[in-house]
C-alpha atoms as a PDB file:
ATOM      1  CA  MET A   1       2.734 -10.566 -15.487  1.00  0.00           C
ATOM      2  CA  GLN A   2       3.568 -12.388 -18.639  1.00  0.00           C
ATOM      3  CA  PRO A   3       0.661 -13.240 -20.979  1.00  0.00           C
ATOM      4  CA  SER A   4       0.054 -16.865 -21.558  1.00  0.00           C
ATOM      5  CA  LEU A   5       1.113 -18.633 -24.734  1.00  0.00           C
ATOM      6  CA  ALA A   6      -2.603 -18.915 -25.653  1.00  0.00           C
ATOM      7  CA  SER A   7      -2.893 -15.141 -25.966  1.00  0.00           C
ATOM      8  CA  ALA A   8       0.216 -15.004 -28.144  1.00  0.00           C
ATOM      9  CA  GLU A   9      -1.158 -17.443 -30.638  1.00  0.00           C
ATOM     10  CA  PRO A  10      -3.675 -16.455 -33.247  1.00  0.00           C
ATOM     11  CA  GLY A  11      -7.132 -17.065 -31.793  1.00  0.00           C
ATOM     12  CA  GLY A  12      -5.772 -17.281 -28.234  1.00  0.00           C
ATOM     13  CA  SER A  13      -8.145 -16.550 -25.370  1.00  0.00           C
ATOM     14  CA  GLY A  14      -6.201 -13.605 -24.137  1.00  0.00           C
ATOM     15  CA  THR A  15      -6.263 -14.900 -20.516  1.00  0.00           C
ATOM     16  CA  ARG A  16      -3.251 -14.608 -18.289  1.00  0.00           C
ATOM     17  CA  GLU A  17      -1.458 -17.418 -16.483  1.00  0.00           C
ATOM     18  CA  SER A  18      -2.352 -18.009 -12.846  1.00  0.00           C
ATOM     19  CA  PRO A  19       0.197 -16.471 -10.411  1.00  0.00           C
ATOM     20  CA  ASP A  20       3.135 -18.814  -9.792  1.00  0.00           C
ATOM     21  CA  PRO A  21       5.273 -17.998  -6.774  1.00  0.00           C
ATOM     22  CA  ARG A  22       8.234 -19.568  -8.544  1.00  0.00           C
ATOM     23  CA  ARG A  23       7.952 -16.953 -11.275  1.00  0.00           C
ATOM     24  CA  HIS A  24       6.918 -14.154  -9.008  1.00  0.00           C
ATOM     25  CA  PRO A  25       8.997 -14.249  -5.709  1.00  0.00           C
ATOM     26  CA  ALA A  26       8.067 -10.656  -5.063  1.00  0.00           C
ATOM     27  CA  ARG A  27       4.431 -11.796  -4.558  1.00  0.00           C
ATOM     28  CA  ALA A  28       5.457 -14.421  -2.094  1.00  0.00           C
ATOM     29  CA  ARG A  29       7.556 -11.901  -0.227  1.00  0.00           C
ATOM     30  CA  GLY A  30       4.651  -9.412  -0.257  1.00  0.00           C
ATOM     31  CA  ALA A  31       2.327 -12.039   1.187  1.00  0.00           C
ATOM     32  CA  LEU A  32       4.855 -12.844   3.887  1.00  0.00           C
ATOM     33  CA  ARG A  33       5.238  -9.181   4.731  1.00  0.00           C
ATOM     34  CA  ALA A  34       1.431  -8.709   4.953  1.00  0.00           C
ATOM     35  CA  VAL A  35       0.784 -11.714   7.165  1.00  0.00           C
ATOM     36  CA  THR A  36       3.815 -10.976   9.423  1.00  0.00           C
ATOM     37  CA  THR A  37       2.501  -7.345   9.787  1.00  0.00           C
ATOM     38  CA  VAL A  38      -0.896  -8.570  10.932  1.00  0.00           C
ATOM     39  CA  HIS A  39       0.648 -11.049  13.221  1.00  0.00           C
ATOM     40  CA  ALA A  40       2.885  -8.506  14.946  1.00  0.00           C
ATOM     41  CA  ALA A  41      -0.050  -6.179  15.332  1.00  0.00           C
ATOM     42  CA  THR A  42      -2.153  -8.887  17.029  1.00  0.00           C
ATOM     43  CA  LEU A  43       0.755  -9.687  19.264  1.00  0.00           C
ATOM     44  CA  PHE A  44       1.069  -6.082  20.370  1.00  0.00           C
ATOM     45  CA  THR A  45      -2.746  -5.882  20.782  1.00  0.00           C
ATOM     46  CA  GLN A  46      -2.500  -8.794  23.151  1.00  0.00           C
ATOM     47  CA  ALA A  47      -0.247  -6.770  25.514  1.00  0.00           C
ATOM     48  CA  VAL A  48      -2.713  -3.850  25.381  1.00  0.00           C
ATOM     49  CA  LEU A  49      -5.640  -6.124  26.274  1.00  0.00           C
ATOM     50  CA  ALA A  50      -3.690  -7.635  29.173  1.00  0.00           C
ATOM     51  CA  GLY A  51      -2.782  -4.146  30.426  1.00  0.00           C
ATOM     52  CA  ARG A  52      -6.431  -3.066  30.235  1.00  0.00           C
ATOM     53  CA  PHE A  53      -7.439  -6.175  32.215  1.00  0.00           C
ATOM     54  CA  LEU A  54      -4.825  -5.424  34.913  1.00  0.00           C
ATOM     55  CA  SER A  55      -6.128  -1.849  35.067  1.00  0.00           C
ATOM     56  CA  GLY A  56      -9.461  -3.081  36.209  1.00  0.00           C
ATOM     57  CA  ASP A  57     -11.422  -3.555  32.984  1.00  0.00           C
ATOM     58  CA  TYR A  58     -12.204  -7.174  33.608  1.00  0.00           C
ATOM     59  CA  ASN A  59     -14.128  -7.689  30.310  1.00  0.00           C
ATOM     60  CA  MET A  60     -10.759  -7.408  28.559  1.00  0.00           C
ATOM     61  CA  LEU A  61      -9.777 -10.883  29.813  1.00  0.00           C
ATOM     62  CA  THR A  62     -12.389 -12.332  27.447  1.00  0.00           C
ATOM     63  CA  ALA A  63     -10.995 -10.155  24.599  1.00  0.00           C
ATOM     64  CA  HIS A  64      -7.457 -11.274  25.618  1.00  0.00           C
ATOM     65  CA  ALA A  65      -8.534 -14.919  25.314  1.00  0.00           C
ATOM     66  CA  VAL A  66     -10.242 -14.441  21.957  1.00  0.00           C
ATOM     67  CA  ASN A  67      -7.197 -12.551  20.612  1.00  0.00           C
ATOM     68  CA  ALA A  68      -4.976 -15.432  21.803  1.00  0.00           C
ATOM     69  CA  ASN A  69      -6.935 -17.776  19.475  1.00  0.00           C
ATOM     70  CA  VAL A  70      -6.652 -15.220  16.622  1.00  0.00           C
ATOM     71  CA  ILE A  71      -2.901 -15.031  17.122  1.00  0.00           C
ATOM     72  CA  VAL A  72      -2.534 -18.822  16.844  1.00  0.00           C
ATOM     73  CA  ALA A  73      -4.615 -18.857  13.746  1.00  0.00           C
ATOM     74  CA  ILE A  74      -2.648 -16.112  12.120  1.00  0.00           C
ATOM     75  CA  GLY A  75       0.556 -17.839  13.229  1.00  0.00           C
ATOM     76  CA  LEU A  76      -0.598 -20.946  11.318  1.00  0.00           C
ATOM     77  CA  VAL A  77      -1.271 -18.880   8.208  1.00  0.00           C
ATOM     78  CA  GLN A  78       2.203 -17.222   8.640  1.00  0.00           C
ATOM     79  CA  VAL A  79       3.805 -20.660   8.717  1.00  0.00           C
ATOM     80  CA  VAL A  80       2.065 -21.669   5.511  1.00  0.00           C
ATOM     81  CA  VAL A  81       2.976 -18.386   3.736  1.00  0.00           C
ATOM     82  CA  ALA A  82       6.538 -18.572   4.943  1.00  0.00           C
ATOM     83  CA  VAL A  83       6.932 -22.079   3.607  1.00  0.00           C
ATOM     84  CA  LEU A  84       5.468 -21.038   0.281  1.00  0.00           C
ATOM     85  CA  TYR A  85       7.883 -18.079   0.185  1.00  0.00           C
ATOM     86  CA  TRP A  86      10.827 -20.531   0.960  1.00  0.00           C
ATOM     87  CA  ARG A  87      10.043 -23.590  -1.171  1.00  0.00           C
ATOM     88  CA  PRO A  88       8.293 -22.569  -4.404  1.00  0.00           C
ATOM     89  CA  GLY A  89       9.173 -18.901  -3.941  1.00  0.00           C
ATOM     90  CA  ARG A  90      12.897 -19.567  -3.596  1.00  0.00           C
ATOM     91  CA  GLY A  91      13.258 -17.267  -0.606  1.00  0.00           C
ATOM     92  CA  PRO A  92      15.377 -18.051   2.432  1.00  0.00           C
ATOM     93  CA  GLY A  93      14.091 -20.772   4.801  1.00  0.00           C
ATOM     94  CA  TRP A  94      14.682 -18.968   8.075  1.00  0.00           C
ATOM     95  CA  PRO A  95      11.275 -17.097   8.114  1.00  0.00           C
ATOM     96  CA  ALA A  96       9.526 -20.458   7.893  1.00  0.00           C
ATOM     97  CA  ALA A  97      11.613 -21.867  10.788  1.00  0.00           C
ATOM     98  CA  VAL A  98      11.110 -18.798  12.956  1.00  0.00           C
ATOM     99  CA  SER A  99       7.335 -18.787  12.129  1.00  0.00           C
ATOM    100  CA  ALA A 100       7.078 -22.452  13.164  1.00  0.00           C
ATOM    101  CA  VAL A 101       8.805 -21.844  16.462  1.00  0.00           C
ATOM    102  CA  LEU A 102       6.595 -18.830  17.079  1.00  0.00           C
ATOM    103  CA  LEU A 103       3.511 -20.865  16.424  1.00  0.00           C
ATOM    104  CA  VAL A 104       4.491 -23.603  18.860  1.00  0.00           C
ATOM    105  CA  ALA A 105       5.382 -20.998  21.514  1.00  0.00           C
ATOM    106  CA  GLU A 106       2.070 -19.166  20.990  1.00  0.00           C
ATOM    107  CA  ALA A 107       0.046 -22.343  21.327  1.00  0.00           C
ATOM    108  CA  GLY A 108       1.950 -23.081  24.542  1.00  0.00           C
ATOM    109  CA  GLN A 109       1.352 -19.473  25.704  1.00  0.00           C
ATOM    110  CA  ALA A 110      -2.347 -19.861  25.215  1.00  0.00           C
ATOM    111  CA  VAL A 111      -2.401 -23.067  27.302  1.00  0.00           C
ATOM    112  CA  LEU A 112      -0.316 -21.315  30.031  1.00  0.00           C
ATOM    113  CA  GLY A 113      -2.801 -18.395  30.001  1.00  0.00           C
ATOM    114  CA  TYR A 114      -5.843 -20.667  30.340  1.00  0.00           C
ATOM    115  CA  GLN A 115      -4.018 -22.504  33.199  1.00  0.00           C
ATOM    116  CA  ARG A 116      -3.313 -19.123  34.794  1.00  0.00           C
ATOM    117  CA  THR A 117       0.476 -19.920  35.048  1.00  0.00           C
ATOM    118  CA  LEU A 118       1.296 -16.213  35.062  1.00  0.00           C
ATOM    119  CA  GLY A 119       4.947 -16.642  36.171  1.00  0.00           C
ATOM    120  CA  VAL A 120       5.626 -18.124  32.771  1.00  0.00           C
ATOM    121  CA  HIS A 121       2.845 -16.640  30.774  1.00  0.00           C
ATOM    122  CA  VAL A 122       3.853 -13.009  31.143  1.00  0.00           C
ATOM    123  CA  PRO A 123       7.591 -13.333  30.389  1.00  0.00           C
ATOM    124  CA  LEU A 124       6.867 -15.656  27.496  1.00  0.00           C
ATOM    125  CA  GLY A 125       4.307 -13.057  26.148  1.00  0.00           C
ATOM    126  CA  VAL A 126       6.950 -10.348  26.258  1.00  0.00           C
ATOM    127  CA  THR A 127       9.371 -12.623  24.445  1.00  0.00           C
ATOM    128  CA  LEU A 128       6.813 -13.502  21.796  1.00  0.00           C
ATOM    129  CA  ILE A 129       6.118  -9.828  21.112  1.00  0.00           C
ATOM    130  CA  ALA A 130       9.827  -9.068  20.767  1.00  0.00           C
ATOM    131  CA  ALA A 131      10.331 -12.065  18.441  1.00  0.00           C
ATOM    132  CA  GLY A 132       7.322 -11.086  16.327  1.00  0.00           C
ATOM    133  CA  LEU A 133       8.612  -7.488  15.987  1.00  0.00           C
ATOM    134  CA  LEU A 134      12.117  -8.661  15.133  1.00  0.00           C
ATOM    135  CA  LEU A 135      10.778 -10.967  12.418  1.00  0.00           C
ATOM    136  CA  LEU A 136       8.696  -8.076  11.132  1.00  0.00           C
ATOM    137  CA  VAL A 137      11.708  -5.825  10.852  1.00  0.00           C
ATOM    138  CA  HIS A 138      13.742  -8.507   9.096  1.00  0.00           C
ATOM    139  CA  VAL A 139      10.935  -9.304   6.664  1.00  0.00           C
ATOM    140  CA  TRP A 140      10.533  -5.689   5.681  1.00  0.00           C
ATOM    141  CA  ARG A 141      14.286  -5.081   5.174  1.00  0.00           C
ATOM    142  CA  PRO A 142      15.294  -4.715   1.494  1.00  0.00           C
ATOM    143  CA  LEU A 143      16.800  -7.767  -0.025  1.00  0.00           C
ATOM    144  CA  PRO A 144      20.622  -7.771  -0.374  1.00  0.00           C
ATOM    145  CA  PRO A 145      21.808  -7.330  -3.973  1.00  0.00           C
ATOM    146  CA  GLY A 146      22.343 -10.676  -5.554  1.00  0.00           C
ATOM    147  CA  PRO A 147      24.947 -11.642  -8.114  1.00  0.00           C
ATOM    148  CA  VAL A 148      24.319 -10.132 -11.528  1.00  0.00           C
ATOM    149  CA  PRO A 149      24.634 -12.750 -14.282  1.00  0.00           C
ATOM    150  CA  ALA A 150      27.460 -12.247 -16.684  1.00  0.00           C
ATOM    151  CA  ALA A 151      26.435 -10.619 -19.934  1.00  0.00           C
ATOM    152  CA  PRO A 152      26.858 -12.605 -23.178  1.00  0.00           C
ATOM    153  CA  GLY A 153      30.366 -11.844 -24.644  1.00  0.00           C
ATOM    154  CA  ASP A 154      31.594 -10.514 -21.255  1.00  0.00           C
ATOM    155  CA  GLY A 155      34.248 -13.240 -21.265  1.00  0.00           C
ATOM    156  CA  GLY A 156      33.134 -14.338 -17.819  1.00  0.00           C
ATOM    157  CA  SER A 157      34.578 -12.591 -14.829  1.00  0.00           C
ATOM    158  CA  VAL A 158      36.328 -14.144 -11.974  1.00  0.00           C
ATOM    159  CA  SER A 159      33.636 -13.031  -9.464  1.00  0.00           C
ATOM    160  CA  GLY A 160      30.824 -14.392 -11.684  1.00  0.00           C
ATOM    161  CA  LYS A 161      29.357 -10.863 -11.872  1.00  0.00           C
ATOM    162  CA  GLY A 162      29.077  -8.799 -14.920  1.00  0.00           C
ATOM    163  CA  PRO A 163      28.628  -5.003 -15.024  1.00  0.00           C
ATOM    164  CA  ARG A 164      25.676  -3.661 -13.122  1.00  0.00           C
ATOM    165  CA  PRO A 165      22.735  -2.846 -15.332  1.00  0.00           C
ATOM    166  CA  GLY A 166      23.035   0.751 -16.636  1.00  0.00           C
ATOM    167  CA  THR A 167      26.762   0.898 -16.351  1.00  0.00           C
ATOM    168  CA  SER A 168      29.417   0.450 -18.902  1.00  0.00           C
ATOM    169  CA  PRO A 169      31.798  -2.459 -18.684  1.00  0.00           C
ATOM    170  CA  GLU A 170      34.672  -0.011 -18.085  1.00  0.00           C
ATOM    171  CA  ALA A 171      32.881   1.486 -15.035  1.00  0.00           C
ATOM    172  CA  SER A 172      32.792  -1.986 -13.334  1.00  0.00           C
ATOM    173  CA  ARG A 173      36.535  -2.587 -13.715  1.00  0.00           C
ATOM    174  CA  PRO A 174      38.836  -1.527 -10.915  1.00  0.00           C
ATOM    175  CA  ALA A 175      40.809   1.663 -11.652  1.00  0.00           C
ATOM    176  CA  ARG A 176      44.499   1.250 -12.293  1.00  0.00           C
ATOM    177  CA  GLU A 177      46.945   3.318 -10.206  1.00  0.00           C
ATOM    178  CA  VAL A 178      49.212   5.541 -12.174  1.00  0.00           C
ATOM    179  CA  SER A 179      52.685   6.003 -10.830  1.00  0.00           C
END
């Protein structure tokens, strides 16, 4: 974190600036990873609770219903975090869109469960778990390398990329064939 200007000035308070997702996109990405992980875990737990109920432990139906409400609440938090990652955090927008679709489907899934429309409830539940896990995998993937800004005095390259940090300009040029 960067110290605030107040701490750089004589007599400054020495306090640090509040976290700003625009300046710290890694924090926004970390928050998205955390909430997506919790969300996927609760989705998986939902299948375990349903299986326990179907095995004869009828008290698990109540736990399954409570967990459905928890999933919808976490889904709402995930949408908020994904939008913050996208807009101020300058991340891609697709996690916000996927999270919003998941939230709507989860709310519908809860309604179907309370109505005992199992012919749609069970396959939709499987689809939600798969979608939540796919989102989890994509959010935890490393980011692709972005363009490296041209170094001052580089003369500007055609690709808009300068040499990679830690390499010499000669190492980034294509080798010439000797005939």
